[in-house]
N, C-alpha and C. Protein backbone atom coordinates (compact mmCIF):
# COMPACT_ATOMS: atom_id res chain seq x y z
N MET A 1 78.99 61.46 155.35
CA MET A 1 77.19 62.10 155.04
C MET A 1 78.37 63.63 154.24
N GLY A 2 79.44 64.05 154.72
CA GLY A 2 79.78 65.25 154.55
C GLY A 2 80.07 65.82 152.51
N LYS A 3 80.20 64.44 152.09
CA LYS A 3 80.98 63.75 151.52
C LYS A 3 79.95 63.95 150.25
N LEU A 4 79.17 63.23 150.62
CA LEU A 4 77.85 63.07 149.85
C LEU A 4 76.27 63.84 149.68
N LEU A 5 76.49 64.89 150.69
CA LEU A 5 75.49 66.16 149.87
C LEU A 5 75.52 66.25 149.70
N PRO A 6 76.95 67.12 148.65
CA PRO A 6 76.88 68.05 147.82
C PRO A 6 75.97 66.97 146.49
N VAL A 7 76.62 65.57 146.11
CA VAL A 7 76.31 65.31 145.15
C VAL A 7 74.54 65.21 145.04
N ILE A 8 74.21 64.91 146.04
CA ILE A 8 72.84 64.54 146.66
C ILE A 8 72.13 65.93 145.97
N ILE A 9 72.78 66.99 146.05
CA ILE A 9 71.79 68.29 146.30
C ILE A 9 71.69 68.45 144.53
N ALA A 10 73.19 68.46 143.99
CA ALA A 10 73.27 68.43 142.50
C ALA A 10 72.63 67.46 141.74
N VAL A 11 72.37 66.10 141.78
CA VAL A 11 71.50 65.22 141.38
C VAL A 11 69.70 65.67 141.22
N VAL A 12 69.48 66.12 142.53
CA VAL A 12 68.21 66.64 142.99
C VAL A 12 67.81 67.91 142.30
N GLY A 13 68.76 68.75 142.42
CA GLY A 13 68.57 69.87 141.67
C GLY A 13 68.59 69.73 140.04
N LEU A 14 69.79 68.59 139.19
CA LEU A 14 69.26 68.65 137.66
C LEU A 14 67.87 67.93 137.56
N LEU A 15 67.43 67.55 138.43
CA LEU A 15 66.34 66.38 138.08
C LEU A 15 64.67 67.66 138.11
N VAL A 16 64.94 68.58 139.30
CA VAL A 16 63.81 69.21 139.41
C VAL A 16 64.01 70.22 138.28
N GLY A 17 65.73 71.13 138.19
CA GLY A 17 65.66 72.04 136.32
C GLY A 17 64.25 71.01 134.95
N GLY A 18 65.20 69.62 134.97
CA GLY A 18 64.77 68.97 134.30
C GLY A 18 62.97 68.93 134.24
N ALA A 19 62.52 68.95 135.37
CA ALA A 19 61.19 69.00 135.45
C ALA A 19 60.42 70.03 134.73
N ALA A 20 61.02 70.65 135.12
CA ALA A 20 60.27 72.68 135.54
C ALA A 20 60.63 72.74 133.68
N GLY A 21 61.29 72.33 133.19
CA GLY A 21 62.51 72.42 131.36
C GLY A 21 60.83 71.69 130.56
N PHE A 22 60.76 70.79 130.76
CA PHE A 22 59.05 69.37 130.72
C PHE A 22 58.20 70.35 130.53
N PHE A 23 57.73 70.13 132.25
CA PHE A 23 56.70 71.28 132.28
C PHE A 23 56.55 72.41 131.32
N LEU A 24 57.68 73.06 131.59
CA LEU A 24 57.09 74.83 130.99
C LEU A 24 57.50 75.12 129.98
N ARG A 25 57.67 73.66 128.38
CA ARG A 25 58.39 73.85 127.07
C ARG A 25 57.05 74.38 126.64
N PRO A 26 56.71 75.04 125.29
CA PRO A 26 56.04 75.69 124.87
C PRO A 26 55.45 74.36 124.19
N ALA A 27 53.63 74.45 123.55
CA ALA A 27 52.82 73.87 123.45
C ALA A 27 53.84 73.48 121.68
N PRO A 28 53.71 71.97 121.28
CA PRO A 28 54.43 71.74 120.31
C PRO A 28 53.38 72.62 118.77
N SER A 29 53.61 73.30 117.56
CA SER A 29 53.01 73.75 116.57
C SER A 29 52.52 72.57 115.86
N THR A 30 50.98 72.96 115.81
CA THR A 30 50.41 72.23 114.37
C THR A 30 50.91 72.79 113.22
N ASP A 31 50.90 74.52 112.78
CA ASP A 31 50.57 75.05 111.88
C ASP A 31 51.64 75.27 111.33
N PRO A 32 52.07 74.99 109.83
CA PRO A 32 53.62 74.50 108.87
C PRO A 32 54.27 75.61 108.83
N ALA A 33 52.95 77.32 108.61
CA ALA A 33 53.62 78.02 108.16
C ALA A 33 54.04 78.48 109.35
N ALA A 34 54.16 78.36 111.55
CA ALA A 34 54.49 79.21 111.82
C ALA A 34 56.26 78.39 112.42
N GLU A 35 56.17 76.78 112.09
CA GLU A 35 56.86 76.02 111.78
C GLU A 35 58.05 76.66 110.87
N HIS A 36 57.52 77.19 109.74
CA HIS A 36 58.72 77.14 108.83
C HIS A 36 59.02 79.33 109.76
N GLY A 37 58.28 79.85 110.02
CA GLY A 37 58.56 81.32 110.31
C GLY A 37 59.82 80.97 111.51
N ALA A 38 59.84 79.49 112.28
CA ALA A 38 60.80 79.22 113.09
C ALA A 38 61.65 79.25 112.54
N GLU A 39 61.88 78.43 111.45
CA GLU A 39 63.32 78.10 110.53
C GLU A 39 63.74 79.38 110.21
N GLN A 40 63.50 80.32 110.24
CA GLN A 40 64.18 81.99 109.36
C GLN A 40 65.12 82.38 110.47
N GLY A 41 64.28 82.32 111.43
CA GLY A 41 64.92 82.81 112.56
C GLY A 41 64.28 83.67 113.34
N ALA A 42 64.79 84.30 114.46
CA ALA A 42 64.01 85.83 115.04
C ALA A 42 64.66 86.34 114.30
N ASP A 43 65.68 86.74 114.48
CA ASP A 43 66.50 87.56 114.00
C ASP A 43 66.11 88.91 112.64
N THR A 44 65.28 87.79 112.01
CA THR A 44 64.93 88.46 110.66
C THR A 44 63.51 89.22 110.84
N ALA A 45 62.66 89.58 111.73
CA ALA A 45 61.05 89.42 111.94
C ALA A 45 61.91 90.81 112.15
N HIS A 46 60.65 91.84 111.59
CA HIS A 46 60.49 93.29 112.48
C HIS A 46 60.23 93.15 113.85
N ASP A 47 60.87 93.93 114.53
CA ASP A 47 60.50 94.20 115.51
C ASP A 47 60.07 95.47 116.54
N GLY A 48 60.33 96.71 115.43
CA GLY A 48 59.81 98.60 116.38
C GLY A 48 60.93 98.90 116.21
N ASP A 49 62.69 98.22 116.22
CA ASP A 49 63.79 98.58 116.77
C ASP A 49 63.50 99.74 116.20
N ALA A 50 64.87 100.52 116.54
CA ALA A 50 65.20 101.92 115.60
C ALA A 50 65.53 101.56 114.10
N ALA A 51 65.89 101.16 113.65
CA ALA A 51 66.45 101.14 112.42
C ALA A 51 65.31 100.72 111.08
N HIS A 52 64.07 100.20 112.37
CA HIS A 52 63.02 100.17 110.91
C HIS A 52 62.55 101.69 111.40
N GLY A 53 62.16 102.69 111.98
CA GLY A 53 61.30 103.89 111.92
C GLY A 53 60.76 102.99 113.31
N GLY A 54 60.26 102.20 114.17
CA GLY A 54 59.87 102.02 115.16
C GLY A 54 58.30 101.26 114.39
N ASP A 55 57.81 101.04 113.10
CA ASP A 55 57.04 101.17 112.47
C ASP A 55 57.80 99.08 112.89
N ALA A 56 56.21 98.49 113.51
CA ALA A 56 56.61 96.69 113.33
C ALA A 56 56.06 96.04 112.77
N GLY A 57 54.76 96.47 111.63
CA GLY A 57 54.87 95.86 110.15
C GLY A 57 54.75 96.58 109.20
N HIS A 58 54.37 96.39 108.08
CA HIS A 58 54.34 97.98 106.63
C HIS A 58 53.84 97.81 106.81
N ALA A 59 53.51 99.60 105.97
CA ALA A 59 52.21 100.35 105.61
C ALA A 59 51.43 99.93 105.01
N ASP A 60 51.25 98.34 104.64
CA ASP A 60 49.83 97.66 103.97
C ASP A 60 49.42 97.47 104.95
N GLY A 61 49.91 97.03 106.11
CA GLY A 61 48.86 96.25 107.59
C GLY A 61 49.12 95.19 107.58
N HIS A 62 50.47 94.29 106.87
CA HIS A 62 50.75 92.64 106.51
C HIS A 62 52.38 92.69 107.58
N ASP A 63 52.37 91.81 108.39
CA ASP A 63 53.17 92.34 108.93
C ASP A 63 54.25 90.89 108.29
N GLY A 64 53.75 89.94 107.39
CA GLY A 64 54.88 88.91 106.93
C GLY A 64 54.80 87.32 107.60
N ALA A 65 54.21 87.74 108.72
CA ALA A 65 55.00 86.50 109.94
C ALA A 65 53.91 85.56 109.47
N THR A 66 52.60 86.20 109.03
CA THR A 66 51.44 85.17 109.01
C THR A 66 51.15 84.59 107.71
N ASP A 67 52.04 85.28 106.04
CA ASP A 67 52.13 84.95 105.00
C ASP A 67 53.32 84.29 104.65
N PRO A 68 52.22 82.44 104.17
CA PRO A 68 53.13 81.46 103.38
C PRO A 68 54.41 81.79 102.63
N THR A 69 53.54 82.70 102.02
CA THR A 69 54.10 83.39 100.76
C THR A 69 54.69 84.12 100.87
N ARG A 70 55.80 84.91 101.59
CA ARG A 70 57.00 85.16 101.34
C ARG A 70 58.13 84.20 102.26
N ASP A 71 59.04 84.88 102.08
CA ASP A 71 60.97 84.72 103.00
C ASP A 71 61.32 85.39 102.95
N PHE A 72 61.65 85.32 104.09
CA PHE A 72 63.24 86.18 104.51
C PHE A 72 63.78 85.61 104.31
N VAL A 73 64.93 86.24 103.69
CA VAL A 73 66.53 84.93 103.75
C VAL A 73 67.53 86.64 104.07
N LYS A 74 68.05 85.98 105.13
CA LYS A 74 69.14 86.41 106.08
C LYS A 74 70.32 86.12 104.95
N LEU A 75 71.16 87.09 104.51
CA LEU A 75 72.46 87.30 104.02
C LEU A 75 73.52 86.81 105.10
N ASN A 76 74.37 85.81 103.97
CA ASN A 76 75.29 85.01 105.22
C ASN A 76 76.37 86.02 105.92
N ASN A 77 76.89 86.92 105.25
CA ASN A 77 78.29 87.75 105.53
C ASN A 77 77.43 89.44 106.30
N GLN A 78 78.10 89.69 107.00
CA GLN A 78 77.95 91.89 107.76
C GLN A 78 78.64 92.23 106.62
N PHE A 79 77.88 93.88 106.17
CA PHE A 79 78.52 94.67 105.33
C PHE A 79 79.56 95.71 106.24
N VAL A 80 80.27 96.20 106.48
CA VAL A 80 81.24 97.04 106.58
C VAL A 80 81.58 98.08 105.44
N ILE A 81 81.09 98.96 106.72
CA ILE A 81 81.41 100.41 105.17
C ILE A 81 82.26 101.28 106.40
N PRO A 82 83.39 102.13 105.74
CA PRO A 82 83.98 102.81 106.26
C PRO A 82 82.98 103.76 105.48
N VAL A 83 83.39 105.44 106.87
CA VAL A 83 82.94 106.21 106.52
C VAL A 83 84.40 107.22 106.82
N VAL A 84 84.79 107.77 105.40
CA VAL A 84 85.77 108.46 105.25
C VAL A 84 85.11 110.18 105.69
N ARG A 85 85.84 110.29 107.06
CA ARG A 85 86.24 112.30 107.01
C ARG A 85 87.70 112.50 107.21
N ASN A 86 87.60 113.80 106.23
CA ASN A 86 89.05 114.34 105.48
C ASN A 86 89.80 113.43 105.29
N GLY A 87 89.37 112.41 104.63
CA GLY A 87 90.65 111.79 104.07
C GLY A 87 90.93 110.58 104.88
N ARG A 88 90.82 110.31 105.76
CA ARG A 88 90.70 109.18 106.86
C ARG A 88 89.86 108.53 107.33
N VAL A 89 89.79 107.18 107.36
CA VAL A 89 88.23 106.29 107.67
C VAL A 89 88.81 106.43 109.40
N GLY A 90 87.14 107.35 110.00
CA GLY A 90 86.62 107.93 110.92
C GLY A 90 86.04 107.17 111.60
N SER A 91 85.76 106.93 110.84
CA SER A 91 84.69 105.13 111.51
C SER A 91 83.83 103.97 110.94
N LEU A 92 83.57 102.67 111.50
CA LEU A 92 83.36 102.04 110.40
C LEU A 92 81.52 101.64 111.01
N VAL A 93 80.88 100.90 109.35
CA VAL A 93 79.66 101.17 110.12
C VAL A 93 79.62 99.94 109.38
N VAL A 94 78.65 98.25 110.65
CA VAL A 94 78.46 97.25 110.58
C VAL A 94 77.07 96.61 110.48
N MET A 95 76.72 96.57 109.18
CA MET A 95 75.09 96.23 108.99
C MET A 95 75.19 94.77 108.09
N SER A 96 74.18 93.82 108.95
CA SER A 96 73.21 92.76 108.78
C SER A 96 71.93 93.48 107.90
N LEU A 97 72.10 92.43 107.49
CA LEU A 97 70.85 92.72 105.84
C LEU A 97 70.03 91.40 105.76
N SER A 98 68.91 91.68 105.99
CA SER A 98 68.08 89.92 105.13
C SER A 98 67.10 90.77 104.26
N VAL A 99 66.91 89.36 103.10
CA VAL A 99 66.07 90.02 101.77
C VAL A 99 64.43 89.45 102.05
N GLU A 100 63.67 91.02 102.28
CA GLU A 100 61.72 90.08 101.77
C GLU A 100 61.62 89.77 101.06
N MET A 101 61.05 87.90 101.08
CA MET A 101 61.16 88.19 98.74
C MET A 101 59.47 87.73 99.09
N THR A 102 58.53 87.80 97.62
CA THR A 102 57.05 87.19 97.75
C THR A 102 56.97 86.21 96.70
N GLY A 103 56.23 84.90 96.75
CA GLY A 103 56.09 83.97 96.12
C GLY A 103 57.47 83.20 96.79
N THR A 104 57.28 82.00 95.99
CA THR A 104 58.03 81.32 96.88
C THR A 104 59.45 80.50 95.76
N GLY A 105 60.47 79.96 96.33
CA GLY A 105 61.50 80.09 95.82
C GLY A 105 62.79 81.07 95.98
N GLY A 106 62.27 81.70 96.51
CA GLY A 106 63.01 83.55 96.77
C GLY A 106 64.26 83.25 98.06
N THR A 107 64.89 82.31 98.18
CA THR A 107 65.79 82.41 99.25
C THR A 107 66.66 81.14 98.08
N GLU A 108 66.38 81.05 97.18
CA GLU A 108 67.23 80.00 96.61
C GLU A 108 67.88 81.57 95.26
N LEU A 109 66.89 82.01 95.05
CA LEU A 109 67.34 83.36 93.79
C LEU A 109 68.24 84.20 94.35
N VAL A 110 67.69 84.16 96.02
CA VAL A 110 68.79 85.60 96.81
C VAL A 110 70.86 84.85 96.81
N PHE A 111 70.20 83.42 96.69
CA PHE A 111 71.60 82.96 97.20
C PHE A 111 72.13 82.55 95.63
N LYS A 112 71.69 82.79 95.26
CA LYS A 112 72.45 82.60 93.26
C LYS A 112 72.73 83.98 92.91
N HIS A 113 72.34 85.03 92.96
CA HIS A 113 72.29 86.42 92.71
C HIS A 113 73.71 86.68 94.08
N GLU A 114 73.78 86.37 94.89
CA GLU A 114 74.40 87.51 96.39
C GLU A 114 75.27 87.99 95.81
N PRO A 115 76.67 87.37 95.08
CA PRO A 115 77.86 88.06 94.82
C PRO A 115 77.62 89.35 94.02
N LYS A 116 76.00 89.04 93.32
CA LYS A 116 75.85 90.44 92.51
C LYS A 116 75.02 91.34 93.61
N LEU A 117 74.22 90.86 94.57
CA LEU A 117 73.36 91.66 94.99
C LEU A 117 74.49 92.01 96.41
N ARG A 118 75.95 91.45 96.87
CA ARG A 118 75.62 92.46 97.70
C ARG A 118 77.00 93.36 97.08
N ASP A 119 77.82 93.46 95.83
CA ASP A 119 77.72 94.42 95.60
C ASP A 119 77.22 95.60 94.84
N VAL A 120 76.41 95.30 94.63
CA VAL A 120 74.94 96.82 94.63
C VAL A 120 74.50 97.22 96.11
N PHE A 121 74.12 96.72 97.00
CA PHE A 121 74.74 97.03 98.39
C PHE A 121 75.44 97.48 98.51
N LEU A 122 76.64 97.03 98.53
CA LEU A 122 77.82 97.71 98.99
C LEU A 122 78.11 99.43 98.30
N GLN A 123 77.69 98.79 97.21
CA GLN A 123 77.62 100.59 96.59
C GLN A 123 76.76 101.45 96.96
N VAL A 124 75.52 100.81 96.80
CA VAL A 124 74.67 102.14 97.87
C VAL A 124 75.16 102.58 99.15
N MET A 125 75.89 101.66 99.98
CA MET A 125 76.13 102.28 100.93
C MET A 125 77.18 103.18 101.17
N PHE A 126 78.27 102.95 100.67
CA PHE A 126 78.96 103.44 100.47
C PHE A 126 78.78 105.46 99.67
N ASP A 127 77.88 105.18 98.54
CA ASP A 127 77.34 106.04 98.48
C ASP A 127 76.33 107.10 99.27
N HIS A 128 75.98 105.92 100.28
CA HIS A 128 75.36 106.55 101.85
C HIS A 128 75.99 107.14 102.37
N ALA A 129 77.18 106.47 102.83
CA ALA A 129 78.60 107.08 104.17
C ALA A 129 79.24 108.42 102.81
N ASN A 130 78.65 107.97 101.72
CA ASN A 130 79.72 109.53 101.65
C ASN A 130 79.35 110.74 101.43
N ALA A 131 77.40 110.55 101.41
CA ALA A 131 76.51 111.73 101.31
C ALA A 131 76.15 112.16 103.26
N GLY A 132 76.72 111.64 103.96
CA GLY A 132 76.68 111.92 104.95
C GLY A 132 75.48 111.60 105.88
N GLY A 133 75.06 110.12 105.31
CA GLY A 133 74.09 108.93 106.15
C GLY A 133 73.81 108.83 107.03
N PHE A 134 75.85 108.42 107.29
CA PHE A 134 76.02 107.51 109.12
C PHE A 134 76.54 107.89 109.82
N ASP A 135 76.41 109.82 109.23
CA ASP A 135 76.89 110.87 110.17
C ASP A 135 75.81 111.67 111.42
N GLY A 136 76.51 111.21 112.77
CA GLY A 136 75.38 112.08 113.93
C GLY A 136 74.31 111.20 113.76
N ALA A 137 73.18 111.20 114.30
CA ALA A 137 72.01 110.46 114.32
C ALA A 137 71.19 109.39 112.96
N PHE A 138 72.32 108.90 112.76
CA PHE A 138 72.58 107.84 111.21
C PHE A 138 71.24 107.15 112.19
N THR A 139 70.48 106.87 112.17
CA THR A 139 69.53 105.58 113.13
C THR A 139 68.14 106.64 112.91
N GLU A 140 68.57 107.82 112.68
CA GLU A 140 66.72 108.31 112.19
C GLU A 140 66.30 108.33 111.36
N SER A 141 65.30 107.51 111.23
CA SER A 141 63.92 107.41 110.39
C SER A 141 63.96 108.16 109.35
N GLY A 142 64.52 109.09 108.73
CA GLY A 142 64.34 109.49 107.49
C GLY A 142 65.54 108.63 107.10
N ASN A 143 66.68 108.83 107.32
CA ASN A 143 68.07 108.02 106.96
C ASN A 143 68.23 106.75 106.52
N MET A 144 67.42 106.08 107.43
CA MET A 144 66.59 103.98 107.55
C MET A 144 66.33 104.51 106.32
N THR A 145 64.99 105.16 106.27
CA THR A 145 63.90 105.46 105.03
C THR A 145 64.77 104.67 103.76
N MET A 146 65.83 106.27 103.69
CA MET A 146 66.01 106.66 102.32
C MET A 146 66.66 105.57 101.59
N LEU A 147 67.92 105.06 102.96
CA LEU A 147 68.39 104.16 102.65
C LEU A 147 68.24 102.86 102.38
N ARG A 148 67.14 102.34 102.45
CA ARG A 148 66.12 101.36 102.83
C ARG A 148 65.54 100.90 101.41
N ARG A 149 65.18 102.80 100.88
CA ARG A 149 64.68 102.55 99.61
C ARG A 149 65.79 102.19 99.11
N ALA A 150 67.06 102.58 98.88
CA ALA A 150 67.63 102.82 97.39
C ALA A 150 68.17 101.23 96.82
N LEU A 151 68.50 99.90 98.83
CA LEU A 151 68.35 98.89 98.68
C LEU A 151 67.74 98.65 97.87
N VAL A 152 65.99 98.71 98.04
CA VAL A 152 65.29 97.81 97.60
C VAL A 152 65.37 97.77 95.88
N GLU A 153 65.31 99.64 95.49
CA GLU A 153 65.63 99.74 94.93
C GLU A 153 66.60 98.27 93.35
N VAL A 154 67.67 98.70 94.17
CA VAL A 154 69.06 98.06 93.08
C VAL A 154 68.75 96.87 93.31
N ALA A 155 68.14 96.04 94.67
CA ALA A 155 67.59 94.85 94.69
C ALA A 155 66.62 94.14 93.17
N GLN A 156 65.58 95.07 93.28
CA GLN A 156 64.49 94.75 92.25
C GLN A 156 65.10 94.61 90.86
N LYS A 157 66.56 95.64 90.63
CA LYS A 157 67.46 95.39 89.35
C LYS A 157 67.42 93.90 89.53
N VAL A 158 67.96 93.47 90.08
CA VAL A 158 69.48 92.40 90.34
C VAL A 158 68.25 90.74 90.44
N LEU A 159 67.22 90.92 91.31
CA LEU A 159 66.56 89.68 91.49
C LEU A 159 64.84 89.98 91.05
N GLY A 160 64.83 91.40 90.12
CA GLY A 160 63.38 91.36 89.63
C GLY A 160 62.72 92.12 91.31
N PRO A 161 60.94 92.31 90.58
CA PRO A 161 59.59 92.98 91.55
C PRO A 161 59.37 91.61 92.18
N ASP A 162 60.29 91.14 92.91
CA ASP A 162 59.69 89.23 93.61
C ASP A 162 59.79 90.58 95.30
N VAL A 163 61.61 91.54 95.16
CA VAL A 163 61.84 91.52 95.97
C VAL A 163 60.98 92.75 96.81
N ARG A 164 60.87 92.48 98.08
CA ARG A 164 59.23 93.30 98.72
C ARG A 164 60.04 94.67 99.96
N ASP A 165 61.30 94.08 100.13
CA ASP A 165 61.74 95.21 101.86
C ASP A 165 63.07 94.67 101.67
N ILE A 166 64.20 94.83 102.05
CA ILE A 166 65.31 94.95 102.86
C ILE A 166 65.21 95.38 104.45
N LEU A 167 65.68 94.72 104.86
CA LEU A 167 65.64 94.21 106.18
C LEU A 167 66.99 94.78 106.91
N ILE A 168 67.09 96.09 108.36
CA ILE A 168 67.88 96.24 108.25
C ILE A 168 67.98 95.53 109.56
N THR A 169 69.20 94.18 109.76
CA THR A 169 69.27 93.89 111.47
C THR A 169 69.64 93.42 111.86
N ASP A 170 70.71 94.54 111.94
CA ASP A 170 71.60 95.10 113.18
C ASP A 170 72.79 95.76 112.42
N ILE A 171 72.64 97.22 113.57
CA ILE A 171 73.64 98.07 112.11
C ILE A 171 74.30 98.66 113.90
N VAL A 172 75.60 98.47 113.58
CA VAL A 172 76.57 99.22 114.90
C VAL A 172 77.62 100.19 113.50
N ARG A 173 78.02 101.80 114.53
CA ARG A 173 78.60 102.37 114.24
C ARG A 173 79.67 101.91 115.01
N GLN A 174 81.16 102.27 114.62
CA GLN A 174 82.08 101.95 115.60
C GLN A 174 83.41 103.53 114.92
N ASP A 175 83.27 104.47 116.28
CA ASP A 175 83.58 105.98 115.63
C ASP A 175 85.46 105.05 116.47
N ALA A 176 86.63 106.21 114.94
CA ALA A 176 87.97 105.76 115.45
C ALA A 176 88.36 106.45 116.80
């Protein structure tokens, strides 16, 4: 009986956990736009973090989550930007970006032009680093707004006017 008791407790625990998971699962959605947003991933949504200036939505009052004519396209790889001080790499900044596109078919357009897009994004980020944009309080609202505007400008040159915004989904600076 002493060896059987842990097995019984484990089986009861599994059953109770499974039942709790079954009854506490989220309700199924019948809204196709909600399913589309869930497929895009939670890391591409504005959440009011410091990199977005604490603004959970856009200046026009739309948050993009309820608009089915927008695509949020997360670029596959992170960007690594060296910050040079006195002729040496003083720190590295690692960023993840997403492109917000209006209209449909934006995902294919972004991935088709991704090499050129990555090149112009890196050039903007290198210029930002060389101008001191990643020094000190680099996530300050003014710095991030300036960087995002420059990224939107070059993205629109590559992809056209369907580029609505560039989302900085992750940013980290590692000092040497």
